[in-house]
Amino acid sequence: MSVESFVPSNALISMTDNAIRYFESRLQDQPNTLIRLSTKASGCTGYAYVLDPVEGAQDGDEIVSINDNITVAVAANAIELLRNTEIDYVKEGINGVVKFNNPNVVNECGCGESFSVS
């Protein structure tokens, strides 16, 4: 008989394998570039996600090392909005889209551009 333990992840954010492949390909020619994840006031429900390639984190950003090739700096003012968010990359027809699976979201606009949390 074996017993398995559930150990919750303490990572602020995570990425799917598809997202990792996508961001690795985007950053391959920019070896010291971080991805900065933040939010901005936008849309009809409150916030929009913002992804920017940056050379360094800003004061207060939380650094998340996804792997040896990808490091994400999460903006200090967005940490609680984004806690436990999984970043995915999916193909929709001929287009690729970065998706955010955010368990904190309580409402999204119809087009998926903005979200709100409780």
N, C-alpha and C. Protein backbone atom coordinates (compact mmCIF):
# COMPACT_ATOMS: atom_id res chain seq x y z
N MET A 1 0.84 -1.16 0.00
CA MET A 1 0.00 0.00 0.00
C MET A 1 0.89 1.23 0.00
N SER A 2 0.51 2.20 -0.83
CA SER A 2 1.29 3.44 -0.86
C SER A 2 0.36 4.61 -0.58
N VAL A 3 0.94 5.63 -0.03
CA VAL A 3 0.19 6.83 0.30
C VAL A 3 0.78 7.98 -0.50
N GLU A 4 -0.09 8.72 -1.19
CA GLU A 4 0.37 9.88 -1.92
C GLU A 4 -0.07 11.13 -1.19
N SER A 5 0.81 12.09 -1.17
CA SER A 5 0.50 13.35 -0.53
C SER A 5 0.25 14.41 -1.58
N PHE A 6 -0.67 15.28 -1.30
CA PHE A 6 -0.90 16.43 -2.16
C PHE A 6 -0.14 17.60 -1.56
N VAL A 7 0.79 18.12 -2.34
CA VAL A 7 1.56 19.27 -1.91
C VAL A 7 1.20 20.42 -2.85
N PRO A 8 0.49 21.43 -2.35
CA PRO A 8 0.10 22.52 -3.23
C PRO A 8 1.31 23.29 -3.72
N SER A 9 1.22 23.75 -4.95
CA SER A 9 2.30 24.53 -5.53
C SER A 9 2.31 25.93 -4.91
N ASN A 10 3.47 26.39 -4.57
CA ASN A 10 3.59 27.74 -4.03
C ASN A 10 3.92 28.74 -5.13
N ALA A 11 3.98 28.26 -6.37
CA ALA A 11 4.32 29.15 -7.47
C ALA A 11 3.19 30.15 -7.68
N LEU A 12 3.56 31.37 -7.87
CA LEU A 12 2.59 32.43 -8.13
C LEU A 12 1.88 32.17 -9.45
N ILE A 13 2.66 31.84 -10.48
CA ILE A 13 2.09 31.51 -11.79
C ILE A 13 2.79 30.26 -12.31
N SER A 14 2.18 29.67 -13.33
CA SER A 14 2.79 28.51 -14.00
C SER A 14 2.50 28.63 -15.49
N MET A 15 3.17 27.79 -16.28
CA MET A 15 2.95 27.75 -17.72
C MET A 15 2.77 26.32 -18.17
N THR A 16 1.89 26.14 -19.15
CA THR A 16 1.74 24.83 -19.77
C THR A 16 2.94 24.58 -20.68
N ASP A 17 3.10 23.34 -21.11
CA ASP A 17 4.18 23.00 -22.04
C ASP A 17 4.07 23.80 -23.33
N ASN A 18 2.85 23.99 -23.83
CA ASN A 18 2.65 24.78 -25.04
C ASN A 18 3.12 26.22 -24.86
N ALA A 19 2.81 26.81 -23.71
CA ALA A 19 3.23 28.18 -23.44
C ALA A 19 4.75 28.26 -23.31
N ILE A 20 5.34 27.28 -22.67
CA ILE A 20 6.79 27.26 -22.54
C ILE A 20 7.45 27.23 -23.91
N ARG A 21 6.98 26.34 -24.78
CA ARG A 21 7.54 26.27 -26.14
C ARG A 21 7.37 27.60 -26.88
N TYR A 22 6.19 28.21 -26.75
CA TYR A 22 5.91 29.48 -27.41
C TYR A 22 6.87 30.57 -26.92
N PHE A 23 6.98 30.75 -25.61
CA PHE A 23 7.83 31.82 -25.08
C PHE A 23 9.31 31.53 -25.31
N GLU A 24 9.72 30.27 -25.26
CA GLU A 24 11.12 29.96 -25.57
C GLU A 24 11.45 30.36 -27.01
N SER A 25 10.54 30.09 -27.93
CA SER A 25 10.79 30.47 -29.33
C SER A 25 10.83 31.99 -29.50
N ARG A 26 9.99 32.70 -28.76
CA ARG A 26 9.96 34.17 -28.84
C ARG A 26 11.20 34.81 -28.23
N LEU A 27 11.78 34.15 -27.23
CA LEU A 27 12.91 34.74 -26.50
C LEU A 27 14.27 34.18 -26.92
N GLN A 28 14.30 33.27 -27.86
CA GLN A 28 15.56 32.60 -28.19
C GLN A 28 16.66 33.56 -28.66
N ASP A 29 16.30 34.67 -29.28
CA ASP A 29 17.29 35.65 -29.73
C ASP A 29 17.49 36.78 -28.72
N GLN A 30 16.89 36.65 -27.54
CA GLN A 30 16.98 37.68 -26.49
C GLN A 30 17.35 37.00 -25.17
N PRO A 31 18.60 36.57 -25.03
CA PRO A 31 18.97 35.70 -23.91
C PRO A 31 18.76 36.25 -22.51
N ASN A 32 18.84 37.54 -22.29
CA ASN A 32 18.69 38.07 -20.93
C ASN A 32 17.38 38.80 -20.73
N THR A 33 16.38 38.43 -21.50
CA THR A 33 15.09 39.10 -21.43
C THR A 33 14.14 38.35 -20.51
N LEU A 34 13.46 39.10 -19.65
CA LEU A 34 12.40 38.56 -18.79
C LEU A 34 11.06 38.84 -19.44
N ILE A 35 10.06 38.12 -19.02
CA ILE A 35 8.68 38.44 -19.39
C ILE A 35 8.08 39.12 -18.18
N ARG A 36 7.55 40.31 -18.35
CA ARG A 36 6.89 41.00 -17.24
C ARG A 36 5.39 40.86 -17.42
N LEU A 37 4.74 40.30 -16.42
CA LEU A 37 3.29 40.12 -16.41
C LEU A 37 2.68 41.13 -15.46
N SER A 38 1.78 41.93 -15.99
CA SER A 38 1.11 42.93 -15.17
C SER A 38 -0.35 43.01 -15.62
N THR A 39 -1.08 43.91 -15.01
CA THR A 39 -2.46 44.15 -15.41
C THR A 39 -2.65 45.65 -15.58
N LYS A 40 -3.68 46.02 -16.30
CA LYS A 40 -4.04 47.42 -16.43
C LYS A 40 -5.55 47.53 -16.40
N ALA A 41 -6.04 48.70 -15.99
CA ALA A 41 -7.47 48.94 -16.02
C ALA A 41 -7.91 48.96 -17.47
N SER A 42 -8.93 48.17 -17.79
CA SER A 42 -9.33 48.07 -19.19
C SER A 42 -10.67 47.39 -19.33
N GLY A 43 -11.31 47.65 -20.45
CA GLY A 43 -12.52 46.93 -20.83
C GLY A 43 -13.70 47.18 -19.93
N CYS A 44 -14.70 46.36 -20.14
CA CYS A 44 -15.96 46.55 -19.44
C CYS A 44 -16.00 45.85 -18.08
N THR A 45 -15.03 44.99 -17.78
CA THR A 45 -15.08 44.29 -16.50
C THR A 45 -13.95 44.62 -15.54
N GLY A 46 -12.98 45.42 -15.94
CA GLY A 46 -12.01 45.88 -14.95
C GLY A 46 -10.55 45.83 -15.33
N TYR A 47 -9.98 44.65 -15.60
CA TYR A 47 -8.55 44.50 -15.81
C TYR A 47 -8.26 43.76 -17.11
N ALA A 48 -7.08 44.04 -17.66
CA ALA A 48 -6.57 43.28 -18.80
C ALA A 48 -5.16 42.82 -18.46
N TYR A 49 -4.76 41.68 -19.01
CA TYR A 49 -3.42 41.15 -18.82
C TYR A 49 -2.46 41.90 -19.74
N VAL A 50 -1.24 42.11 -19.26
CA VAL A 50 -0.20 42.76 -20.07
C VAL A 50 1.07 41.92 -19.97
N LEU A 51 1.60 41.51 -21.11
CA LEU A 51 2.86 40.78 -21.18
C LEU A 51 3.86 41.64 -21.95
N ASP A 52 5.01 41.91 -21.35
CA ASP A 52 6.04 42.72 -22.00
C ASP A 52 7.40 42.06 -21.83
N PRO A 53 8.19 42.02 -22.89
CA PRO A 53 9.59 41.60 -22.72
C PRO A 53 10.36 42.76 -22.11
N VAL A 54 11.13 42.49 -21.06
CA VAL A 54 11.89 43.54 -20.36
C VAL A 54 13.30 43.03 -20.04
N GLU A 55 14.19 43.96 -19.81
CA GLU A 55 15.56 43.60 -19.45
C GLU A 55 15.74 43.36 -17.97
N GLY A 56 14.82 43.85 -17.16
CA GLY A 56 14.94 43.65 -15.73
C GLY A 56 13.62 43.89 -15.03
N ALA A 57 13.51 43.35 -13.85
CA ALA A 57 12.29 43.51 -13.05
C ALA A 57 12.24 44.91 -12.45
N GLN A 58 11.05 45.34 -12.10
CA GLN A 58 10.88 46.60 -11.40
C GLN A 58 10.84 46.32 -9.89
N ASP A 59 11.06 47.37 -9.09
CA ASP A 59 11.02 47.22 -7.64
C ASP A 59 9.68 46.62 -7.22
N GLY A 60 9.73 45.60 -6.39
CA GLY A 60 8.52 44.97 -5.88
C GLY A 60 8.00 43.82 -6.72
N ASP A 61 8.49 43.66 -7.95
CA ASP A 61 8.05 42.54 -8.78
C ASP A 61 8.45 41.23 -8.13
N GLU A 62 7.60 40.24 -8.29
CA GLU A 62 7.94 38.90 -7.81
C GLU A 62 8.47 38.10 -8.98
N ILE A 63 9.63 37.49 -8.80
CA ILE A 63 10.30 36.76 -9.87
C ILE A 63 9.91 35.29 -9.79
N VAL A 64 9.47 34.74 -10.94
CA VAL A 64 9.11 33.33 -11.03
C VAL A 64 9.96 32.71 -12.14
N SER A 65 10.77 31.74 -11.77
CA SER A 65 11.58 31.03 -12.76
C SER A 65 10.77 29.84 -13.26
N ILE A 66 10.39 29.91 -14.53
CA ILE A 66 9.61 28.82 -15.13
C ILE A 66 10.53 27.65 -15.47
N ASN A 67 11.66 27.97 -16.10
CA ASN A 67 12.70 26.98 -16.40
C ASN A 67 14.00 27.76 -16.64
N ASP A 68 15.02 27.10 -17.18
CA ASP A 68 16.30 27.77 -17.39
C ASP A 68 16.22 28.89 -18.43
N ASN A 69 15.20 28.86 -19.28
CA ASN A 69 15.09 29.82 -20.37
C ASN A 69 14.04 30.91 -20.16
N ILE A 70 13.14 30.71 -19.23
CA ILE A 70 12.03 31.65 -19.05
C ILE A 70 11.93 32.09 -17.59
N THR A 71 11.98 33.40 -17.41
CA THR A 71 11.76 33.99 -16.10
C THR A 71 10.68 35.04 -16.25
N VAL A 72 9.72 35.02 -15.34
CA VAL A 72 8.62 35.97 -15.38
C VAL A 72 8.70 36.87 -14.15
N ALA A 73 8.58 38.18 -14.39
CA ALA A 73 8.49 39.16 -13.31
C ALA A 73 7.02 39.56 -13.21
N VAL A 74 6.40 39.26 -12.09
CA VAL A 74 4.99 39.60 -11.89
C VAL A 74 4.94 40.93 -11.15
N ALA A 75 4.23 41.89 -11.74
CA ALA A 75 4.14 43.23 -11.17
C ALA A 75 3.59 43.18 -9.75
N ALA A 76 4.17 43.96 -8.88
CA ALA A 76 3.78 43.96 -7.47
C ALA A 76 2.30 44.24 -7.29
N ASN A 77 1.74 45.17 -8.06
CA ASN A 77 0.33 45.53 -7.89
C ASN A 77 -0.62 44.53 -8.53
N ALA A 78 -0.07 43.48 -9.16
CA ALA A 78 -0.92 42.47 -9.79
C ALA A 78 -0.82 41.10 -9.13
N ILE A 79 0.02 40.98 -8.12
CA ILE A 79 0.28 39.66 -7.51
C ILE A 79 -1.00 39.00 -7.03
N GLU A 80 -1.81 39.70 -6.27
CA GLU A 80 -3.03 39.07 -5.74
C GLU A 80 -4.06 38.79 -6.83
N LEU A 81 -4.08 39.59 -7.89
CA LEU A 81 -5.00 39.33 -9.01
C LEU A 81 -4.60 38.09 -9.79
N LEU A 82 -3.31 37.78 -9.80
CA LEU A 82 -2.79 36.73 -10.67
C LEU A 82 -2.36 35.46 -9.95
N ARG A 83 -2.46 35.44 -8.63
CA ARG A 83 -1.99 34.28 -7.86
C ARG A 83 -2.63 32.99 -8.38
N ASN A 84 -1.78 31.98 -8.63
CA ASN A 84 -2.17 30.64 -9.11
C ASN A 84 -2.65 30.63 -10.56
N THR A 85 -2.32 31.66 -11.33
CA THR A 85 -2.70 31.70 -12.74
C THR A 85 -1.80 30.79 -13.56
N GLU A 86 -2.41 30.04 -14.46
CA GLU A 86 -1.68 29.22 -15.42
C GLU A 86 -1.73 29.93 -16.77
N ILE A 87 -0.58 30.10 -17.38
CA ILE A 87 -0.50 30.70 -18.71
C ILE A 87 -0.42 29.57 -19.72
N ASP A 88 -1.26 29.65 -20.74
CA ASP A 88 -1.33 28.62 -21.78
C ASP A 88 -1.17 29.29 -23.13
N TYR A 89 -0.82 28.52 -24.13
CA TYR A 89 -0.78 28.99 -25.51
C TYR A 89 -1.56 27.98 -26.34
N VAL A 90 -2.60 28.47 -27.02
CA VAL A 90 -3.45 27.56 -27.78
C VAL A 90 -3.58 28.07 -29.21
N LYS A 91 -3.75 27.12 -30.12
CA LYS A 91 -4.02 27.44 -31.51
C LYS A 91 -5.51 27.48 -31.70
N GLU A 92 -5.98 28.56 -32.29
CA GLU A 92 -7.40 28.70 -32.62
C GLU A 92 -7.46 28.96 -34.12
N GLY A 93 -7.71 27.90 -34.89
CA GLY A 93 -7.64 28.01 -36.34
C GLY A 93 -6.20 28.24 -36.74
N ILE A 94 -5.94 29.32 -37.47
CA ILE A 94 -4.57 29.61 -37.88
C ILE A 94 -3.87 30.56 -36.92
N ASN A 95 -4.57 31.00 -35.90
CA ASN A 95 -4.02 31.96 -34.94
C ASN A 95 -3.59 31.26 -33.65
N GLY A 96 -2.55 31.79 -33.04
CA GLY A 96 -2.13 31.34 -31.73
C GLY A 96 -2.49 32.41 -30.72
N VAL A 97 -2.94 31.99 -29.54
CA VAL A 97 -3.40 32.93 -28.52
C VAL A 97 -2.85 32.52 -27.16
N VAL A 98 -2.32 33.52 -26.43
CA VAL A 98 -1.92 33.29 -25.04
C VAL A 98 -3.18 33.39 -24.20
N LYS A 99 -3.44 32.35 -23.42
CA LYS A 99 -4.63 32.30 -22.55
C LYS A 99 -4.18 32.30 -21.09
N PHE A 100 -4.99 32.90 -20.26
CA PHE A 100 -4.71 32.95 -18.83
C PHE A 100 -5.81 32.19 -18.11
N ASN A 101 -5.44 31.11 -17.44
CA ASN A 101 -6.38 30.34 -16.64
C ASN A 101 -6.21 30.82 -15.20
N ASN A 102 -7.02 31.82 -14.86
CA ASN A 102 -6.88 32.53 -13.59
C ASN A 102 -8.04 32.14 -12.67
N PRO A 103 -7.76 31.41 -11.58
CA PRO A 103 -8.83 30.97 -10.68
C PRO A 103 -9.46 32.11 -9.88
N ASN A 104 -8.87 33.29 -9.92
CA ASN A 104 -9.38 34.43 -9.17
C ASN A 104 -10.46 35.20 -9.93
N VAL A 105 -10.61 34.90 -11.21
CA VAL A 105 -11.57 35.63 -12.05
C VAL A 105 -12.99 35.24 -11.69
N VAL A 106 -13.84 36.25 -11.49
CA VAL A 106 -15.26 36.00 -11.22
C VAL A 106 -16.13 36.44 -12.39
N ASN A 107 -15.57 37.25 -13.31
CA ASN A 107 -16.35 37.72 -14.46
C ASN A 107 -15.38 38.10 -15.57
N GLU A 108 -15.77 37.78 -16.80
CA GLU A 108 -15.01 38.17 -17.98
C GLU A 108 -15.95 38.83 -18.97
N CYS A 109 -15.40 39.73 -19.77
CA CYS A 109 -16.24 40.32 -20.80
C CYS A 109 -16.46 39.29 -21.91
N GLY A 110 -17.41 39.54 -22.75
CA GLY A 110 -17.76 38.59 -23.81
C GLY A 110 -16.62 38.27 -24.76
N CYS A 111 -15.76 39.24 -25.04
CA CYS A 111 -14.67 39.00 -25.98
C CYS A 111 -13.43 38.41 -25.29
N GLY A 112 -13.46 38.33 -23.96
CA GLY A 112 -12.32 37.74 -23.24
C GLY A 112 -11.18 38.70 -23.02
N GLU A 113 -11.35 39.95 -23.35
CA GLU A 113 -10.27 40.94 -23.24
C GLU A 113 -10.06 41.43 -21.81
N SER A 114 -11.10 41.48 -21.01
CA SER A 114 -10.94 41.99 -19.65
C SER A 114 -11.61 41.06 -18.65
N PHE A 115 -11.24 41.24 -17.37
CA PHE A 115 -11.74 40.37 -16.32
C PHE A 115 -11.88 41.15 -15.03
N SER A 116 -12.60 40.56 -14.08
CA SER A 116 -12.69 41.12 -12.74
C SER A 116 -12.50 40.01 -11.72
N VAL A 117 -12.10 40.39 -10.52
CA VAL A 117 -11.91 39.46 -9.42
C VAL A 117 -12.73 39.92 -8.25
N SER A 118 -12.94 39.01 -7.28
CA SER A 118 -13.74 39.39 -6.11
C SER A 118 -12.91 40.08 -5.07
